[in-house]
Each structure stands twice: as structure tokens, then as C-alpha cells.
PDB file of N, CA and C in Angstrom:
ATOM      1  N   MET A   1     109.597  79.246  82.221  1.00  0.00           N
ATOM      2  CA  MET A   1     109.082  80.714  82.387  1.00  0.00           C
ATOM      3  C   MET A   1     107.756  80.786  82.378  1.00  0.00           C
ATOM      4  N   LYS A   2     106.979  81.611  83.197  1.00  0.00           N
ATOM      5  CA  LYS A   2     106.055  81.956  83.042  1.00  0.00           C
ATOM      6  C   LYS A   2     105.814  83.544  82.115  1.00  0.00           C
ATOM      7  N   LYS A   3     104.471  83.368  81.693  1.00  0.00           N
ATOM      8  CA  LYS A   3     104.072  84.498  80.823  1.00  0.00           C
ATOM      9  C   LYS A   3     103.378  85.404  81.930  1.00  0.00           C
ATOM     10  N   CYS A   4     103.705  86.698  81.527  1.00  0.00           N
ATOM     11  CA  CYS A   4     102.670  87.864  82.341  1.00  0.00           C
ATOM     12  C   CYS A   4     101.478  87.547  81.691  1.00  0.00           C
ATOM     13  N   GLN A   5     100.608  87.178  83.039  1.00  0.00           N
ATOM     14  CA  GLN A   5      99.199  87.348  82.397  1.00  0.00           C
ATOM     15  C   GLN A   5      98.131  88.433  82.172  1.00  0.00           C
ATOM     16  N   LEU A   6      98.972  89.523  82.726  1.00  0.00           N
ATOM     17  CA  LEU A   6      98.283  90.869  82.271  1.00  0.00           C
ATOM     18  C   LEU A   6      98.689  91.067  80.808  1.00  0.00           C
ATOM     19  N   CYS A   7      99.757  90.886  80.183  1.00  0.00           N
ATOM     20  CA  CYS A   7      99.936  90.983  78.861  1.00  0.00           C
ATOM     21  C   CYS A   7      99.371  90.316  78.009  1.00  0.00           C
ATOM     22  N   VAL A   8      98.937  89.154  78.396  1.00  0.00           N
ATOM     23  CA  VAL A   8      98.205  87.854  77.668  1.00  0.00           C
ATOM     24  C   VAL A   8      97.028  88.438  77.586  1.00  0.00           C
ATOM     25  N   LYS A   9      96.272  88.993  78.653  1.00  0.00           N
ATOM     26  CA  LYS A   9      94.864  89.575  78.690  1.00  0.00           C
ATOM     27  C   LYS A   9      94.857  90.886  78.116  1.00  0.00           C
ATOM     28  N   LYS A  10      95.709  91.287  78.063  1.00  0.00           N
ATOM     29  CA  LYS A  10      96.085  92.961  77.428  1.00  0.00           C
ATOM     30  C   LYS A  10      95.299  94.125  78.275  1.00  0.00           C
ATOM     31  N   ILE A  11      95.653  93.909  79.582  1.00  0.00           N
ATOM     32  CA  ILE A  11      95.333  94.724  80.707  1.00  0.00           C
ATOM     33  C   ILE A  11      96.157  95.865  80.608  1.00  0.00           C
ATOM     34  N   ASP A  12      95.799  97.157  80.330  1.00  0.00           N
ATOM     35  CA  ASP A  12      96.531  98.304  80.663  1.00  0.00           C
ATOM     36  C   ASP A  12      96.517  99.200  81.760  1.00  0.00           C
ATOM     37  N   PHE A  13      95.422  98.771  82.633  1.00  0.00           N
ATOM     38  CA  PHE A  13      95.501  99.358  84.033  1.00  0.00           C
ATOM     39  C   PHE A  13      94.915  98.595  85.177  1.00  0.00           C
ATOM     40  N   VAL A  14      95.457  98.786  85.921  1.00  0.00           N
ATOM     41  CA  VAL A  14      95.094  97.691  87.524  1.00  0.00           C
ATOM     42  C   VAL A  14      94.316  98.786  88.586  1.00  0.00           C
ATOM     43  N   ASP A  15      92.959  98.197  88.836  1.00  0.00           N
ATOM     44  CA  ASP A  15      92.124  99.253  89.306  1.00  0.00           C
ATOM     45  C   ASP A  15      92.611  98.560  90.853  1.00  0.00           C
ATOM     46  N   TYR A  16      92.902  99.818  91.805  1.00  0.00           N
ATOM     47  CA  TYR A  16      92.892  99.446  93.292  1.00  0.00           C
ATOM     48  C   TYR A  16      91.773  99.131  93.827  1.00  0.00           C
ATOM     49  N   LYS A  17      90.592  99.224  93.489  1.00  0.00           N
ATOM     50  CA  LYS A  17      89.408  99.007  94.006  1.00  0.00           C
ATOM     51  C   LYS A  17      88.950  97.595  93.707  1.00  0.00           C
ATOM     52  N   ASP A  18      89.300  96.587  92.851  1.00  0.00           N
ATOM     53  CA  ASP A  18      89.380  95.284  92.571  1.00  0.00           C
ATOM     54  C   ASP A  18      90.163  94.524  93.393  1.00  0.00           C
ATOM     55  N   VAL A  19      89.609  94.284  94.804  1.00  0.00           N
ATOM     56  CA  VAL A  19      90.313  93.819  95.952  1.00  0.00           C
ATOM     57  C   VAL A  19      90.616  92.049  95.517  1.00  0.00           C
ATOM     58  N   ASN A  20      89.330  91.643  95.070  1.00  0.00           N
ATOM     59  CA  ASN A  20      89.797  89.999  94.733  1.00  0.00           C
ATOM     60  C   ASN A  20      90.960  89.795  93.409  1.00  0.00           C
ATOM     61  N   PHE A  21      91.113  90.868  92.323  1.00  0.00           N
ATOM     62  CA  PHE A  21      92.183  90.835  91.707  1.00  0.00           C
ATOM     63  C   PHE A  21      93.385  90.928  92.352  1.00  0.00           C
ATOM     64  N   LEU A  22      93.798  91.929  93.450  1.00  0.00           N
ATOM     65  CA  LEU A  22      95.102  92.085  94.062  1.00  0.00           C
ATOM     66  C   LEU A  22      95.375  91.020  94.938  1.00  0.00           C
ATOM     67  N   LYS A  23      94.207  90.392  95.417  1.00  0.00           N
ATOM     68  CA  LYS A  23      94.442  89.218  96.355  1.00  0.00           C
ATOM     69  C   LYS A  23      95.277  88.151  95.852  1.00  0.00           C
ATOM     70  N   GLU A  24      95.063  88.122  94.510  1.00  0.00           N
ATOM     71  CA  GLU A  24      95.893  86.947  93.544  1.00  0.00           C
ATOM     72  C   GLU A  24      97.530  87.047  93.726  1.00  0.00           C
ATOM     73  N   TYR A  25      97.587  88.575  93.941  1.00  0.00           N
ATOM     74  CA  TYR A  25      99.094  88.972  93.914  1.00  0.00           C
ATOM     75  C   TYR A  25      99.859  89.056  95.077  1.00  0.00           C
ATOM     76  N   MET A  26      98.947  88.636  96.276  1.00  0.00           N
ATOM     77  CA  MET A  26      99.639  88.952  97.565  1.00  0.00           C
ATOM     78  C   MET A  26      99.606  87.493  98.340  1.00  0.00           C
ATOM     79  N   ASN A  27     100.655  87.303  98.944  1.00  0.00           N
ATOM     80  CA  ASN A  27     100.385  85.918  99.887  1.00  0.00           C
ATOM     81  C   ASN A  27      99.558  85.965 100.939  1.00  0.00           C
ATOM     82  N   ASP A  28      99.674  85.001 101.842  1.00  0.00           N
ATOM     83  CA  ASP A  28      98.453  84.715 102.794  1.00  0.00           C
ATOM     84  C   ASP A  28      99.038  85.724 103.996  1.00  0.00           C
ATOM     85  N   LYS A  29     100.097  86.338 104.102  1.00  0.00           N
ATOM     86  CA  LYS A  29     100.175  87.588 105.222  1.00  0.00           C
ATOM     87  C   LYS A  29     100.109  88.727 104.498  1.00  0.00           C
ATOM     88  N   GLY A  30      99.625  88.980 103.552  1.00  0.00           N
ATOM     89  CA  GLY A  30      99.629  90.116 102.927  1.00  0.00           C
ATOM     90  C   GLY A  30     100.405  90.939 102.137  1.00  0.00           C
ATOM     91  N   LYS A  31     101.587  90.108 101.928  1.00  0.00           N
ATOM     92  CA  LYS A  31     102.790  90.878 101.398  1.00  0.00           C
ATOM     93  C   LYS A  31     102.475  90.683  99.761  1.00  0.00           C
ATOM     94  N   ILE A  32     103.102  91.473  98.914  1.00  0.00           N
ATOM     95  CA  ILE A  32     103.341  91.508  97.483  1.00  0.00           C
ATOM     96  C   ILE A  32     104.338  90.250  96.934  1.00  0.00           C
ATOM     97  N   LEU A  33     103.769  89.722  96.246  1.00  0.00           N
ATOM     98  CA  LEU A  33     104.375  88.816  95.500  1.00  0.00           C
ATOM     99  C   LEU A  33     105.333  89.280  94.632  1.00  0.00           C
ATOM    100  N   PRO A  34     106.761  88.702  94.418  1.00  0.00           N
ATOM    101  CA  PRO A  34     107.747  89.116  93.559  1.00  0.00           C
ATOM    102  C   PRO A  34     107.384  88.305  92.411  1.00  0.00           C
ATOM    103  N   LYS A  35     107.839  89.192  91.286  1.00  0.00           N
ATOM    104  CA  LYS A  35     107.570  89.007  89.804  1.00  0.00           C
ATOM    105  C   LYS A  35     108.124  87.621  89.429  1.00  0.00           C
ATOM    106  N   ARG A  36     109.151  87.271  89.990  1.00  0.00           N
ATOM    107  CA  ARG A  36     109.944  85.657  89.926  1.00  0.00           C
ATOM    108  C   ARG A  36     108.767  84.731  90.137  1.00  0.00           C
ATOM    109  N   ILE A  37     108.120  84.942  90.904  1.00  0.00           N
ATOM    110  CA  ILE A  37     107.206  83.793  91.635  1.00  0.00           C
ATOM    111  C   ILE A  37     105.834  84.297  90.588  1.00  0.00           C
ATOM    112  N   ASN A  38     105.176  85.339  90.705  1.00  0.00           N
ATOM    113  CA  ASN A  38     103.795  85.371  90.132  1.00  0.00           C
ATOM    114  C   ASN A  38     103.965  85.407  88.266  1.00  0.00           C
ATOM    115  N   GLY A  39     105.277  85.743  87.987  1.00  0.00           N
ATOM    116  CA  GLY A  39     105.445  85.510  86.225  1.00  0.00           C
ATOM    117  C   GLY A  39     105.195  87.087  85.723  1.00  0.00           C
ATOM    118  N   ASN A  40     104.898  88.081  86.311  1.00  0.00           N
ATOM    119  CA  ASN A  40     104.668  89.404  85.712  1.00  0.00           C
ATOM    120  C   ASN A  40     105.806  89.888  85.148  1.00  0.00           C
ATOM    121  N   CYS A  41     106.045  90.643  84.165  1.00  0.00           N
ATOM    122  CA  CYS A  41     106.646  91.719  83.608  1.00  0.00           C
ATOM    123  C   CYS A  41     107.063  92.979  84.394  1.00  0.00           C
ATOM    124  N   ALA A  42     107.896  93.511  84.365  1.00  0.00           N
ATOM    125  CA  ALA A  42     108.383  94.526  85.106  1.00  0.00           C
ATOM    126  C   ALA A  42     107.201  95.721  85.339  1.00  0.00           C
ATOM    127  N   LYS A  43     106.824  96.035  84.163  1.00  0.00           N
ATOM    128  CA  LYS A  43     105.750  97.226  83.746  1.00  0.00           C
ATOM    129  C   LYS A  43     104.629  96.581  84.671  1.00  0.00           C
ATOM    130  N   HIS A  44     103.838  95.586  84.657  1.00  0.00           N
ATOM    131  CA  HIS A  44     102.740  95.133  85.230  1.00  0.00           C
ATOM    132  C   HIS A  44     103.019  94.692  86.445  1.00  0.00           C
ATOM    133  N   GLN A  45     104.114  94.431  87.101  1.00  0.00           N
ATOM    134  CA  GLN A  45     104.337  94.245  88.635  1.00  0.00           C
ATOM    135  C   GLN A  45     104.322  95.688  89.198  1.00  0.00           C
ATOM    136  N   ARG A  46     105.009  96.834  88.549  1.00  0.00           N
ATOM    137  CA  ARG A  46     104.829  98.145  89.155  1.00  0.00           C
ATOM    138  C   ARG A  46     103.458  98.543  89.098  1.00  0.00           C
ATOM    139  N   PHE A  47     102.533  98.339  88.291  1.00  0.00           N
ATOM    140  CA  PHE A  47     101.135  98.667  88.106  1.00  0.00           C
ATOM    141  C   PHE A  47     100.562  98.035  89.397  1.00  0.00           C
ATOM    142  N   ILE A  48     100.506  96.419  89.615  1.00  0.00           N
ATOM    143  CA  ILE A  48     100.123  95.958  90.639  1.00  0.00           C
ATOM    144  C   ILE A  48     100.748  96.248  92.160  1.00  0.00           C
ATOM    145  N   LYS A  49     102.130  96.652  92.083  1.00  0.00           N
ATOM    146  CA  LYS A  49     102.473  97.283  93.422  1.00  0.00           C
ATOM    147  C   LYS A  49     101.759  98.233  93.651  1.00  0.00           C
ATOM    148  N   ASP A  50     101.580  99.311  93.052  1.00  0.00           N
ATOM    149  CA  ASP A  50     100.952 100.588  93.011  1.00  0.00           C
ATOM    150  C   ASP A  50      99.585 100.670  93.794  1.00  0.00           C
ATOM    151  N   ALA A  51      99.007  99.536  93.002  1.00  0.00           N
ATOM    152  CA  ALA A  51      97.492  99.369  93.099  1.00  0.00           C
ATOM    153  C   ALA A  51      97.358  98.815  94.643  1.00  0.00           C
ATOM    154  N   ILE A  52      98.284  97.688  94.989  1.00  0.00           N
ATOM    155  CA  ILE A  52      98.213  97.248  96.341  1.00  0.00           C
ATOM    156  C   ILE A  52      98.326  98.202  97.308  1.00  0.00           C
ATOM    157  N   LYS A  53      99.302  99.229  96.975  1.00  0.00           N
ATOM    158  CA  LYS A  53      99.804 100.219  98.191  1.00  0.00           C
ATOM    159  C   LYS A  53      98.493 101.417  98.189  1.00  0.00           C
ATOM    160  N   ARG A  54      97.850 101.688  96.943  1.00  0.00           N
ATOM    161  CA  ARG A  54      96.835 102.453  97.011  1.00  0.00           C
ATOM    162  C   ARG A  54      95.592 101.758  97.718  1.00  0.00           C
ATOM    163  N   ALA A  55      95.431 100.608  97.610  1.00  0.00           N
ATOM    164  CA  ALA A  55      94.471  99.786  98.536  1.00  0.00           C
ATOM    165  C   ALA A  55      94.769  99.481  99.893  1.00  0.00           C
ATOM    166  N   ARG A  56      95.886  99.500 100.172  1.00  0.00           N
ATOM    167  CA  ARG A  56      96.359  99.311 101.484  1.00  0.00           C
ATOM    168  C   ARG A  56      96.001 100.771 102.210  1.00  0.00           C
ATOM    169  N   GLN A  57      96.015 101.980 101.544  1.00  0.00           N
ATOM    170  CA  GLN A  57      96.016 103.274 102.039  1.00  0.00           C
ATOM    171  C   GLN A  57      94.467 103.708 102.229  1.00  0.00           C
ATOM    172  N   MET A  58      93.609 102.721 101.478  1.00  0.00           N
ATOM    173  CA  MET A  58      92.387 103.271 101.431  1.00  0.00           C
ATOM    174  C   MET A  58      91.651 101.988 102.408  1.00  0.00           C
ATOM    175  N   ALA A  59      92.561 101.249 103.152  1.00  0.00           N
ATOM    176  CA  ALA A  59      91.957 100.165 104.218  1.00  0.00           C
ATOM    177  C   ALA A  59      91.078  99.137 103.126  1.00  0.00           C
ATOM    178  N   LEU A  60      91.395  98.943 101.826  1.00  0.00           N
ATOM    179  CA  LEU A  60      90.530  97.805 101.180  1.00  0.00           C
ATOM    180  C   LEU A  60      91.260  96.324 101.463  1.00  0.00           C
ATOM    181  N   VAL A  61      92.498  96.428 101.770  1.00  0.00           N
ATOM    182  CA  VAL A  61      93.382  95.442 102.135  1.00  0.00           C
ATOM    183  C   VAL A  61      94.301  95.577 103.239  1.00  0.00           C
ATOM    184  N   PRO A  62      94.438  94.773 103.847  1.00  0.00           N
ATOM    185  CA  PRO A  62      95.474  94.865 105.138  1.00  0.00           C
ATOM    186  C   PRO A  62      96.684  95.161 104.709  1.00  0.00           C
ATOM    187  N   PHE A  63      97.335  95.756 105.629  1.00  0.00           N
ATOM    188  CA  PHE A  63      98.978  95.803 105.617  1.00  0.00           C
ATOM    189  C   PHE A  63      99.765  94.468 105.856  1.00  0.00           C
ATOM    190  N   THR A  64      99.154  94.036 106.924  1.00  0.00           N
ATOM    191  CA  THR A  64      99.855  92.431 107.283  1.00  0.00           C
ATOM    192  C   THR A  64      98.930  91.966 108.276  1.00  0.00           C
ATOM    193  N   LYS A  65      99.018  90.558 108.086  1.00  0.00           N
ATOM    194  CA  LYS A  65      98.021  89.564 108.694  1.00  0.00           C
ATOM    195  C   LYS A  65      98.973  88.848 109.579  1.00  0.00           C
ATOM    196  N   ASP A  66      99.003  88.964 110.904  1.00  0.00           N
ATOM    197  CA  ASP A  66      99.734  88.354 111.907  1.00  0.00           C
ATOM    198  C   ASP A  66      99.306  86.896 112.167  1.00  0.00           C
TER     199      ASP A  66
END
């Protein structure tokens, strides 16, 4: 079982403007990777989900890539 990388690095806040960090948790089509694949705990997966959704609304990352 993977460890949550955000817990290991002791990250308390995920910034929606950090696009390179958010792209690590998205697949090539722009979808959010599930926590069973990326190994995040539930709390940090929610932080990443909210940050990606905010970045999508601000047009920093695309909704989908066809």
C-alpha cells in the first residue's frame, strides 16, 4: 500500500495555482486520479480534488483533453 505523499511531506494546503503539482494527480485526459491509484489519504484527496476543480474554473487546467 502506498503512503500518502502529502502526509509524508506534511503539506496542509494544496494551492490551485500550482499547476505542475496538480498535473501529477491527473491522467493524460485531464481526469482526477482516484486515491487507490495515487495513494493519497482521504483528507488530502479532498484537498487535491477541490484544488483541481478551482483550477479548472480559473482555466488554469483543462476540463478534458479529447
